Amino acid sequence: MELLGNYLLAFIETGGLFAPVLFISFHLLRPLFFLPVVFICISGGVLFGAAAGTLYSVIGITLSSMMFYGLINWMPKTFAKLIRLKQRLIGNNAAFTASQIAVLRLVPFIHFHLLSLCLIEISANFRDYTKSSLLTNIPLAFIYTSVGQWISRLSPLYILLFLLALLPFIYLLRRKEMIIKWDEFFQVST
């Protein structure tokens, strides 16, 4: 997956004037590749800078949200299943406001379209959903695109030092469990 991401970023960098269109369309194809929105926004900051990357990311994310709205209304049984899944995950009485969803979109581990589903529930129609989606996507795109621009300005030495500083955390946060086979645990003494 990393190779695919690097290939697509190199392709977009050499795209010239066509690069923004490719980047926005990559936002639309993102769910097919199971890539997080945060990765694409950070890539926009690296490729285009904070201002242009934020604009392109907001356009791409909003178009992706609009496609989700269209697809989910096209498949009512799937919509009902997703609502039941959301109710199991979040609860029956949990109704978020648009500003709460904007803050939740900043958390990279919460699924983007789960929050879009929450927006669909609180929106009256497509126009209201699109407006709410646009407003909740702006903080996400701005913050993570700015992080991408910040990363692009770091020297390779600082990036290497940062990655080396993360290595102890990989060890400390590993899953600590021991697997003992049945025969080893219940040894028969003869």
N, C-alpha and C. Protein backbone atom coordinates (compact mmCIF):
# COMPACT_ATOMS: atom_id res chain seq x y z
N MET A 1 0.83 -1.18 0.00
CA MET A 1 0.00 0.00 0.00
C MET A 1 0.88 1.25 0.00
N GLU A 2 2.00 1.18 0.72
CA GLU A 2 2.90 2.33 0.77
C GLU A 2 3.48 2.61 -0.61
N LEU A 3 3.79 1.55 -1.36
CA LEU A 3 4.32 1.72 -2.71
C LEU A 3 3.30 2.41 -3.61
N LEU A 4 2.04 2.00 -3.48
CA LEU A 4 0.98 2.64 -4.26
C LEU A 4 0.85 4.11 -3.91
N GLY A 5 0.92 4.42 -2.59
CA GLY A 5 0.84 5.82 -2.17
C GLY A 5 1.99 6.65 -2.71
N ASN A 6 3.21 6.10 -2.65
CA ASN A 6 4.37 6.82 -3.18
C ASN A 6 4.26 7.01 -4.69
N TYR A 7 3.77 6.00 -5.39
CA TYR A 7 3.62 6.10 -6.83
C TYR A 7 2.61 7.18 -7.20
N LEU A 8 1.48 7.19 -6.50
CA LEU A 8 0.45 8.19 -6.80
C LEU A 8 0.92 9.61 -6.46
N LEU A 9 1.69 9.76 -5.36
CA LEU A 9 2.20 11.08 -5.02
C LEU A 9 3.20 11.56 -6.07
N ALA A 10 4.05 10.67 -6.56
CA ALA A 10 5.00 11.06 -7.61
C ALA A 10 4.26 11.42 -8.89
N PHE A 11 3.19 10.69 -9.19
CA PHE A 11 2.40 10.99 -10.38
C PHE A 11 1.73 12.35 -10.28
N ILE A 12 1.22 12.66 -9.10
CA ILE A 12 0.56 13.96 -8.89
C ILE A 12 1.57 15.10 -8.95
N GLU A 13 2.77 14.88 -8.40
CA GLU A 13 3.79 15.93 -8.42
C GLU A 13 4.18 16.31 -9.84
N THR A 14 4.20 15.35 -10.74
CA THR A 14 4.59 15.64 -12.12
C THR A 14 3.40 16.01 -12.99
N GLY A 15 2.23 16.15 -12.40
CA GLY A 15 1.02 16.41 -13.16
C GLY A 15 0.86 17.83 -13.65
N GLY A 16 1.62 18.79 -13.13
CA GLY A 16 1.50 20.18 -13.57
C GLY A 16 0.16 20.78 -13.21
N LEU A 17 -0.51 21.39 -14.19
CA LEU A 17 -1.80 22.01 -13.95
C LEU A 17 -2.90 20.98 -13.70
N PHE A 18 -2.65 19.76 -14.14
CA PHE A 18 -3.62 18.69 -13.96
C PHE A 18 -3.54 18.07 -12.56
N ALA A 19 -2.49 18.43 -11.80
CA ALA A 19 -2.26 17.84 -10.48
C ALA A 19 -3.41 18.08 -9.50
N PRO A 20 -3.99 19.29 -9.41
CA PRO A 20 -5.12 19.46 -8.49
C PRO A 20 -6.31 18.58 -8.82
N VAL A 21 -6.59 18.39 -10.10
CA VAL A 21 -7.70 17.53 -10.50
C VAL A 21 -7.41 16.09 -10.11
N LEU A 22 -6.17 15.65 -10.29
CA LEU A 22 -5.79 14.30 -9.89
C LEU A 22 -5.89 14.13 -8.38
N PHE A 23 -5.45 15.15 -7.65
CA PHE A 23 -5.50 15.09 -6.19
C PHE A 23 -6.94 15.02 -5.69
N ILE A 24 -7.81 15.83 -6.24
CA ILE A 24 -9.22 15.83 -5.85
C ILE A 24 -9.86 14.48 -6.22
N SER A 25 -9.53 13.96 -7.39
CA SER A 25 -10.10 12.66 -7.76
C SER A 25 -9.54 11.54 -6.90
N PHE A 26 -8.31 11.71 -6.39
CA PHE A 26 -7.76 10.71 -5.47
C PHE A 26 -8.54 10.71 -4.17
N HIS A 27 -9.06 11.86 -3.76
CA HIS A 27 -9.95 11.91 -2.59
C HIS A 27 -11.20 11.08 -2.84
N LEU A 28 -11.70 11.10 -4.07
CA LEU A 28 -12.90 10.34 -4.39
C LEU A 28 -12.62 8.84 -4.45
N LEU A 29 -11.40 8.47 -4.82
CA LEU A 29 -11.04 7.05 -4.91
C LEU A 29 -10.49 6.51 -3.59
N ARG A 30 -10.26 7.36 -2.62
CA ARG A 30 -9.67 6.99 -1.34
C ARG A 30 -10.39 5.83 -0.65
N PRO A 31 -11.73 5.80 -0.61
CA PRO A 31 -12.38 4.67 0.08
C PRO A 31 -12.11 3.32 -0.59
N LEU A 32 -11.87 3.32 -1.89
CA LEU A 32 -11.59 2.06 -2.58
C LEU A 32 -10.23 1.48 -2.19
N PHE A 33 -9.29 2.35 -1.84
CA PHE A 33 -7.95 1.92 -1.44
C PHE A 33 -7.81 1.79 0.07
N PHE A 34 -8.89 2.04 0.82
CA PHE A 34 -8.91 1.97 2.28
C PHE A 34 -7.84 2.86 2.91
N LEU A 35 -7.66 4.04 2.34
CA LEU A 35 -6.71 5.00 2.88
C LEU A 35 -7.43 5.99 3.79
N PRO A 36 -6.80 6.37 4.88
CA PRO A 36 -7.45 7.35 5.76
C PRO A 36 -7.42 8.75 5.15
N VAL A 37 -8.42 9.53 5.50
CA VAL A 37 -8.51 10.91 5.00
C VAL A 37 -7.29 11.71 5.45
N VAL A 38 -6.81 11.42 6.65
CA VAL A 38 -5.66 12.14 7.20
C VAL A 38 -4.43 11.99 6.30
N PHE A 39 -4.21 10.79 5.78
CA PHE A 39 -3.07 10.55 4.90
C PHE A 39 -3.14 11.41 3.64
N ILE A 40 -4.32 11.51 3.06
CA ILE A 40 -4.49 12.30 1.84
C ILE A 40 -4.30 13.78 2.15
N CYS A 41 -4.84 14.26 3.27
CA CYS A 41 -4.70 15.67 3.62
C CYS A 41 -3.24 16.03 3.90
N ILE A 42 -2.53 15.16 4.60
CA ILE A 42 -1.11 15.41 4.86
C ILE A 42 -0.34 15.43 3.54
N SER A 43 -0.70 14.52 2.64
CA SER A 43 -0.06 14.51 1.31
C SER A 43 -0.33 15.81 0.56
N GLY A 44 -1.53 16.36 0.71
CA GLY A 44 -1.85 17.64 0.08
C GLY A 44 -0.98 18.76 0.61
N GLY A 45 -0.67 18.74 1.90
CA GLY A 45 0.22 19.74 2.47
C GLY A 45 1.64 19.60 1.96
N VAL A 46 2.09 18.36 1.79
CA VAL A 46 3.43 18.12 1.27
C VAL A 46 3.52 18.56 -0.19
N LEU A 47 2.50 18.25 -0.98
CA LEU A 47 2.54 18.53 -2.42
C LEU A 47 2.25 19.97 -2.78
N PHE A 48 1.23 20.56 -2.15
CA PHE A 48 0.74 21.85 -2.60
C PHE A 48 0.94 22.98 -1.60
N GLY A 49 1.32 22.68 -0.38
CA GLY A 49 1.41 23.70 0.65
C GLY A 49 0.11 23.79 1.41
N ALA A 50 0.10 24.61 2.45
CA ALA A 50 -1.06 24.67 3.34
C ALA A 50 -2.29 25.28 2.68
N ALA A 51 -2.14 26.38 1.98
CA ALA A 51 -3.31 27.07 1.44
C ALA A 51 -3.97 26.28 0.30
N ALA A 52 -3.19 25.97 -0.73
CA ALA A 52 -3.75 25.25 -1.87
C ALA A 52 -4.15 23.83 -1.48
N GLY A 53 -3.33 23.17 -0.65
CA GLY A 53 -3.65 21.81 -0.21
C GLY A 53 -4.94 21.76 0.57
N THR A 54 -5.17 22.76 1.42
CA THR A 54 -6.42 22.82 2.18
C THR A 54 -7.61 22.99 1.24
N LEU A 55 -7.49 23.89 0.29
CA LEU A 55 -8.58 24.12 -0.67
C LEU A 55 -8.90 22.85 -1.44
N TYR A 56 -7.87 22.19 -1.98
CA TYR A 56 -8.09 20.97 -2.76
C TYR A 56 -8.65 19.84 -1.88
N SER A 57 -8.17 19.76 -0.65
CA SER A 57 -8.67 18.72 0.25
C SER A 57 -10.13 18.97 0.63
N VAL A 58 -10.49 20.22 0.89
CA VAL A 58 -11.88 20.53 1.23
C VAL A 58 -12.79 20.17 0.06
N ILE A 59 -12.36 20.50 -1.14
CA ILE A 59 -13.17 20.17 -2.33
C ILE A 59 -13.29 18.65 -2.47
N GLY A 60 -12.18 17.95 -2.36
CA GLY A 60 -12.19 16.50 -2.52
C GLY A 60 -12.98 15.79 -1.44
N ILE A 61 -12.81 16.21 -0.19
CA ILE A 61 -13.53 15.56 0.91
C ILE A 61 -15.02 15.84 0.82
N THR A 62 -15.38 17.06 0.44
CA THR A 62 -16.80 17.39 0.32
C THR A 62 -17.45 16.62 -0.83
N LEU A 63 -16.74 16.50 -1.95
CA LEU A 63 -17.27 15.69 -3.05
C LEU A 63 -17.41 14.22 -2.64
N SER A 64 -16.46 13.74 -1.86
CA SER A 64 -16.54 12.36 -1.36
C SER A 64 -17.75 12.20 -0.44
N SER A 65 -18.00 13.18 0.40
CA SER A 65 -19.17 13.14 1.28
C SER A 65 -20.46 13.17 0.48
N MET A 66 -20.48 13.97 -0.57
CA MET A 66 -21.67 14.04 -1.42
C MET A 66 -21.92 12.71 -2.13
N MET A 67 -20.83 12.07 -2.58
CA MET A 67 -20.97 10.75 -3.20
C MET A 67 -21.51 9.73 -2.19
N PHE A 68 -21.02 9.82 -0.95
CA PHE A 68 -21.51 8.92 0.10
C PHE A 68 -23.00 9.13 0.32
N TYR A 69 -23.44 10.37 0.35
CA TYR A 69 -24.86 10.67 0.52
C TYR A 69 -25.68 10.05 -0.61
N GLY A 70 -25.20 10.21 -1.83
CA GLY A 70 -25.92 9.64 -2.97
C GLY A 70 -25.96 8.13 -2.94
N LEU A 71 -24.83 7.51 -2.61
CA LEU A 71 -24.78 6.05 -2.57
C LEU A 71 -25.64 5.48 -1.44
N ILE A 72 -25.60 6.13 -0.30
CA ILE A 72 -26.33 5.60 0.85
C ILE A 72 -27.84 5.75 0.65
N ASN A 73 -28.27 6.79 -0.04
CA ASN A 73 -29.70 6.94 -0.33
C ASN A 73 -30.15 6.04 -1.47
N TRP A 74 -29.21 5.60 -2.29
CA TRP A 74 -29.50 4.71 -3.40
C TRP A 74 -29.70 3.27 -2.89
N MET A 75 -29.11 2.97 -1.72
CA MET A 75 -29.19 1.62 -1.15
C MET A 75 -29.83 1.70 0.24
N PRO A 76 -31.15 1.71 0.34
CA PRO A 76 -31.81 1.89 1.64
C PRO A 76 -31.56 0.77 2.64
N LYS A 77 -31.39 -0.47 2.18
CA LYS A 77 -31.13 -1.57 3.12
C LYS A 77 -29.76 -1.40 3.76
N THR A 78 -28.79 -0.99 2.97
CA THR A 78 -27.46 -0.75 3.51
C THR A 78 -27.48 0.42 4.48
N PHE A 79 -28.27 1.43 4.15
CA PHE A 79 -28.41 2.58 5.04
C PHE A 79 -28.98 2.14 6.39
N ALA A 80 -29.98 1.28 6.37
CA ALA A 80 -30.58 0.80 7.62
C ALA A 80 -29.56 -0.03 8.42
N LYS A 81 -28.77 -0.85 7.73
CA LYS A 81 -27.74 -1.64 8.42
C LYS A 81 -26.68 -0.74 9.05
N LEU A 82 -26.29 0.30 8.33
CA LEU A 82 -25.29 1.22 8.87
C LEU A 82 -25.83 2.00 10.06
N ILE A 83 -27.10 2.33 10.02
CA ILE A 83 -27.72 3.02 11.16
C ILE A 83 -27.71 2.10 12.39
N ARG A 84 -28.05 0.83 12.19
CA ARG A 84 -28.01 -0.12 13.31
C ARG A 84 -26.59 -0.29 13.85
N LEU A 85 -25.62 -0.35 12.95
CA LEU A 85 -24.22 -0.46 13.37
C LEU A 85 -23.79 0.78 14.15
N LYS A 86 -24.19 1.94 13.67
CA LYS A 86 -23.86 3.19 14.37
C LYS A 86 -24.50 3.20 15.75
N GLN A 87 -25.71 2.74 15.85
CA GLN A 87 -26.39 2.71 17.15
C GLN A 87 -25.70 1.76 18.12
N ARG A 88 -25.16 0.64 17.61
CA ARG A 88 -24.42 -0.27 18.47
C ARG A 88 -23.10 0.34 18.91
N LEU A 89 -22.44 1.07 18.02
CA LEU A 89 -21.15 1.66 18.34
C LEU A 89 -21.26 2.89 19.23
N ILE A 90 -22.19 3.76 18.91
CA ILE A 90 -22.28 5.05 19.59
C ILE A 90 -23.41 5.07 20.62
N GLY A 91 -24.48 4.39 20.33
CA GLY A 91 -25.63 4.40 21.22
C GLY A 91 -26.87 4.87 20.49
N ASN A 92 -28.02 4.55 21.05
CA ASN A 92 -29.29 4.90 20.41
C ASN A 92 -29.61 6.39 20.51
N ASN A 93 -29.27 7.00 21.62
CA ASN A 93 -29.67 8.38 21.86
C ASN A 93 -28.56 9.39 21.58
N ALA A 94 -27.49 8.97 20.96
CA ALA A 94 -26.38 9.88 20.70
C ALA A 94 -26.63 10.63 19.40
N ALA A 95 -26.94 11.88 19.51
CA ALA A 95 -27.10 12.75 18.35
C ALA A 95 -26.09 13.88 18.47
N PHE A 96 -25.18 13.93 17.53
CA PHE A 96 -24.13 14.94 17.57
C PHE A 96 -24.57 16.19 16.82
N THR A 97 -23.98 17.31 17.22
CA THR A 97 -24.17 18.55 16.47
C THR A 97 -23.09 18.62 15.41
N ALA A 98 -23.26 19.56 14.49
CA ALA A 98 -22.26 19.70 13.42
C ALA A 98 -20.91 20.11 13.99
N SER A 99 -20.88 20.94 15.00
CA SER A 99 -19.60 21.34 15.58
C SER A 99 -18.94 20.18 16.31
N GLN A 100 -19.71 19.29 16.93
CA GLN A 100 -19.13 18.11 17.56
C GLN A 100 -18.54 17.18 16.50
N ILE A 101 -19.22 17.06 15.38
CA ILE A 101 -18.71 16.21 14.30
C ILE A 101 -17.43 16.81 13.72
N ALA A 102 -17.36 18.14 13.64
CA ALA A 102 -16.13 18.78 13.15
C ALA A 102 -14.95 18.45 14.05
N VAL A 103 -15.17 18.43 15.35
CA VAL A 103 -14.10 18.08 16.29
C VAL A 103 -13.77 16.59 16.19
N LEU A 104 -14.79 15.75 16.07
CA LEU A 104 -14.56 14.31 15.96
C LEU A 104 -13.84 13.94 14.68
N ARG A 105 -14.01 14.72 13.64
CA ARG A 105 -13.29 14.44 12.38
C ARG A 105 -11.79 14.66 12.53
N LEU A 106 -11.38 15.40 13.52
CA LEU A 106 -9.95 15.61 13.75
C LEU A 106 -9.29 14.38 14.36
N VAL A 107 -10.07 13.48 14.92
CA VAL A 107 -9.52 12.26 15.50
C VAL A 107 -9.32 11.27 14.36
N PRO A 108 -8.07 10.87 14.10
CA PRO A 108 -7.83 10.05 12.91
C PRO A 108 -8.37 8.62 13.00
N PHE A 109 -8.76 8.15 14.17
CA PHE A 109 -9.19 6.77 14.31
C PHE A 109 -10.70 6.59 14.19
N ILE A 110 -11.43 7.67 14.07
CA ILE A 110 -12.88 7.59 13.90
C ILE A 110 -13.17 7.60 12.41
N HIS A 111 -13.96 6.64 11.97
CA HIS A 111 -14.21 6.48 10.54
C HIS A 111 -14.92 7.72 9.98
N PHE A 112 -14.42 8.19 8.86
CA PHE A 112 -14.91 9.42 8.25
C PHE A 112 -16.38 9.30 7.86
N HIS A 113 -16.75 8.19 7.23
CA HIS A 113 -18.12 8.06 6.76
C HIS A 113 -19.10 7.69 7.87
N LEU A 114 -18.60 7.20 9.00
CA LEU A 114 -19.47 7.04 10.17
C LEU A 114 -19.94 8.41 10.64
N LEU A 115 -19.02 9.38 10.63
CA LEU A 115 -19.41 10.74 11.00
C LEU A 115 -20.29 11.38 9.92
N SER A 116 -20.06 11.00 8.66
CA SER A 116 -20.95 11.48 7.60
C SER A 116 -22.36 10.93 7.80
N LEU A 117 -22.45 9.69 8.27
CA LEU A 117 -23.75 9.10 8.58
C LEU A 117 -24.45 9.88 9.70
N CYS A 118 -23.68 10.31 10.69
CA CYS A 118 -24.24 11.14 11.76
C CYS A 118 -24.74 12.47 11.21
N LEU A 119 -24.02 13.01 10.23
CA LEU A 119 -24.46 14.26 9.60
C LEU A 119 -25.76 14.05 8.81
N ILE A 120 -25.87 12.91 8.15
CA ILE A 120 -27.09 12.62 7.39
C ILE A 120 -28.29 12.59 8.34
N GLU A 121 -28.10 12.02 9.53
CA GLU A 121 -29.20 11.92 10.48
C GLU A 121 -29.68 13.28 10.98
N ILE A 122 -28.77 14.23 11.11
CA ILE A 122 -29.18 15.53 11.64
C ILE A 122 -29.52 16.54 10.55
N SER A 123 -29.34 16.16 9.29
CA SER A 123 -29.62 17.07 8.18
C SER A 123 -31.03 16.86 7.66
N ALA A 124 -31.64 17.95 7.23
CA ALA A 124 -33.00 17.88 6.72
C ALA A 124 -33.05 17.38 5.28
N ASN A 125 -32.08 17.80 4.47
CA ASN A 125 -32.07 17.42 3.06
C ASN A 125 -30.62 17.44 2.54
N PHE A 126 -30.48 17.22 1.23
CA PHE A 126 -29.14 17.16 0.63
C PHE A 126 -28.40 18.49 0.76
N ARG A 127 -29.11 19.57 0.56
CA ARG A 127 -28.47 20.89 0.64
C ARG A 127 -27.94 21.16 2.06
N ASP A 128 -28.73 20.86 3.05
CA ASP A 128 -28.32 21.03 4.44
C ASP A 128 -27.13 20.12 4.77
N TYR A 129 -27.18 18.88 4.26
CA TYR A 129 -26.08 17.94 4.48
C TYR A 129 -24.79 18.45 3.84
N THR A 130 -24.88 18.95 2.62
CA THR A 130 -23.70 19.44 1.91
C THR A 130 -23.09 20.63 2.65
N LYS A 131 -23.93 21.53 3.10
CA LYS A 131 -23.44 22.70 3.85
C LYS A 131 -22.77 22.26 5.15
N SER A 132 -23.40 21.36 5.89
CA SER A 132 -22.81 20.87 7.14
C SER A 132 -21.53 20.10 6.88
N SER A 133 -21.52 19.32 5.84
CA SER A 133 -20.33 18.55 5.49
C SER A 133 -19.16 19.47 5.12
N LEU A 134 -19.44 20.49 4.34
CA LEU A 134 -18.40 21.45 3.98
C LEU A 134 -17.83 22.13 5.21
N LEU A 135 -18.70 22.56 6.12
CA LEU A 135 -18.23 23.25 7.32
C LEU A 135 -17.47 22.33 8.27
N THR A 136 -17.84 21.05 8.34
CA THR A 136 -17.13 20.14 9.23
C THR A 136 -15.83 19.62 8.61
N ASN A 137 -15.70 19.74 7.29
CA ASN A 137 -14.48 19.28 6.62
C ASN A 137 -13.36 20.32 6.66
N ILE A 138 -13.68 21.57 6.83
CA ILE A 138 -12.67 22.63 6.79
C ILE A 138 -11.63 22.47 7.90
N PRO A 139 -12.00 22.27 9.17
CA PRO A 139 -10.95 22.11 10.19
C PRO A 139 -10.06 20.90 9.95
N LEU A 140 -10.67 19.80 9.52
CA LEU A 140 -9.90 18.59 9.22
C LEU A 140 -8.86 18.85 8.15
N ALA A 141 -9.29 19.43 7.05
CA ALA A 141 -8.38 19.69 5.94
C ALA A 141 -7.30 20.70 6.33
N PHE A 142 -7.67 21.75 7.04
CA PHE A 142 -6.71 22.79 7.40
C PHE A 142 -5.62 22.25 8.33
N ILE A 143 -6.02 21.55 9.37
CA ILE A 143 -5.04 21.10 10.37
C ILE A 143 -4.10 20.07 9.78
N TYR A 144 -4.63 19.05 9.11
CA TYR A 144 -3.76 17.99 8.61
C TYR A 144 -2.95 18.42 7.39
N THR A 145 -3.46 19.34 6.59
CA THR A 145 -2.66 19.87 5.49
C THR A 145 -1.53 20.72 6.03
N SER A 146 -1.78 21.46 7.10
CA SER A 146 -0.71 22.24 7.74
C SER A 146 0.36 21.32 8.31
N VAL A 147 -0.06 20.19 8.88
CA VAL A 147 0.92 19.20 9.37
C VAL A 147 1.76 18.68 8.20
N GLY A 148 1.13 18.45 7.07
CA GLY A 148 1.86 17.99 5.89
C GLY A 148 2.87 19.01 5.41
N GLN A 149 2.51 20.28 5.43
CA GLN A 149 3.47 21.30 5.03
C GLN A 149 4.61 21.39 6.03
N TRP A 150 4.31 21.24 7.30
CA TRP A 150 5.35 21.26 8.33
C TRP A 150 6.32 20.10 8.13
N ILE A 151 5.79 18.92 7.83
CA ILE A 151 6.65 17.75 7.60
C ILE A 151 7.53 17.97 6.39
N SER A 152 7.01 18.59 5.35
CA SER A 152 7.79 18.79 4.13
C SER A 152 8.95 19.76 4.35
N ARG A 153 8.85 20.59 5.37
CA ARG A 153 9.92 21.56 5.64
C ARG A 153 11.02 21.00 6.53
N LEU A 154 10.79 19.83 7.13
CA LEU A 154 11.80 19.23 7.99
C LEU A 154 12.95 18.67 7.16
N SER A 155 14.12 18.77 7.70
CA SER A 155 15.26 18.17 7.02
C SER A 155 15.24 16.66 7.24
N PRO A 156 15.87 15.90 6.37
CA PRO A 156 15.89 14.44 6.55
C PRO A 156 16.50 14.01 7.89
N LEU A 157 17.44 14.79 8.40
CA LEU A 157 18.05 14.46 9.69
C LEU A 157 17.00 14.54 10.81
N TYR A 158 16.19 15.58 10.83
CA TYR A 158 15.17 15.72 11.85
C TYR A 158 14.09 14.64 11.72
N ILE A 159 13.74 14.29 10.51
CA ILE A 159 12.77 13.22 10.30
C ILE A 159 13.33 11.90 10.83
N LEU A 160 14.61 11.62 10.55
CA LEU A 160 15.24 10.41 11.05
C LEU A 160 15.29 10.40 12.57
N LEU A 161 15.63 11.53 13.18
CA LEU A 161 15.67 11.61 14.65
C LEU A 161 14.27 11.41 15.25
N PHE A 162 13.27 11.96 14.61
CA PHE A 162 11.90 11.78 15.08
C PHE A 162 11.48 10.32 15.00
N LEU A 163 11.82 9.66 13.90
CA LEU A 163 11.48 8.25 13.75
C LEU A 163 12.23 7.38 14.75
N LEU A 164 13.49 7.72 15.03
CA LEU A 164 14.25 6.98 16.03
C LEU A 164 13.67 7.19 17.43
N ALA A 165 13.14 8.37 17.69
CA ALA A 165 12.51 8.62 18.98
C ALA A 165 11.21 7.82 19.14
N LEU A 166 10.57 7.46 18.03
CA LEU A 166 9.35 6.67 18.09
C LEU A 166 9.60 5.18 18.32
N LEU A 167 10.82 4.71 18.03
CA LEU A 167 11.12 3.28 18.18
C LEU A 167 10.88 2.74 19.59
N PRO A 168 11.30 3.44 20.66
CA PRO A 168 10.99 2.89 21.99
C PRO A 168 9.49 2.75 22.26
N PHE A 169 8.69 3.64 21.69
CA PHE A 169 7.24 3.54 21.88
C PHE A 169 6.67 2.31 21.19
N ILE A 170 7.25 1.95 20.05
CA ILE A 170 6.79 0.74 19.37
C ILE A 170 7.03 -0.48 20.26
N TYR A 171 8.16 -0.51 20.93
CA TYR A 171 8.46 -1.62 21.83
C TYR A 171 7.59 -1.57 23.09
N LEU A 172 7.45 -0.40 23.69
CA LEU A 172 6.70 -0.29 24.94
C LEU A 172 5.20 -0.52 24.77
N LEU A 173 4.67 -0.18 23.61
CA LEU A 173 3.23 -0.28 23.38
C LEU A 173 2.83 -1.57 22.66
N ARG A 174 3.74 -2.52 22.59
CA ARG A 174 3.42 -3.78 21.93
C ARG A 174 2.41 -4.58 22.75
N ARG A 175 1.81 -5.54 22.11
CA ARG A 175 0.88 -6.42 22.81
C ARG A 175 1.68 -7.39 23.66
N LYS A 176 1.39 -7.41 24.93
CA LYS A 176 2.15 -8.22 25.87
C LYS A 176 1.30 -9.44 26.26
N GLU A 177 1.47 -10.49 25.53
CA GLU A 177 0.77 -11.72 25.86
C GLU A 177 1.68 -12.89 25.56
N MET A 178 1.47 -13.96 26.28
CA MET A 178 2.29 -15.14 26.13
C MET A 178 1.39 -16.27 25.66
N ILE A 179 1.84 -16.99 24.67
CA ILE A 179 1.07 -18.11 24.15
C ILE A 179 1.75 -19.39 24.61
N ILE A 180 0.98 -20.17 25.35
CA ILE A 180 1.48 -21.45 25.83
C ILE A 180 0.59 -22.53 25.23
N LYS A 181 1.23 -23.49 24.59
CA LYS A 181 0.47 -24.58 23.99
C LYS A 181 -0.15 -25.45 25.08
N TRP A 182 -1.25 -26.08 24.73
CA TRP A 182 -2.01 -26.90 25.67
C TRP A 182 -1.14 -28.01 26.28
N ASP A 183 -0.37 -28.67 25.43
CA ASP A 183 0.47 -29.77 25.90
C ASP A 183 1.56 -29.29 26.84
N GLU A 184 2.09 -28.11 26.61
CA GLU A 184 3.14 -27.58 27.47
C GLU A 184 2.58 -27.17 28.84
N PHE A 185 1.35 -26.67 28.86
CA PHE A 185 0.76 -26.22 30.11
C PHE A 185 0.36 -27.40 30.99
N PHE A 186 -0.24 -28.39 30.38
CA PHE A 186 -0.65 -29.57 31.12
C PHE A 186 0.30 -30.74 30.84
N GLN A 187 1.50 -30.61 31.31
CA GLN A 187 2.47 -31.68 31.11
C GLN A 187 2.14 -32.85 32.01
N VAL A 188 2.16 -33.99 31.43
CA VAL A 188 1.88 -35.21 32.19
C VAL A 188 3.18 -35.71 32.75
N SER A 189 3.26 -35.81 34.06
CA SER A 189 4.50 -36.29 34.70
C SER A 189 4.45 -37.81 34.77
N THR A 190 5.49 -38.42 34.31
CA THR A 190 5.52 -39.89 34.33
C THR A 190 6.64 -40.41 35.16
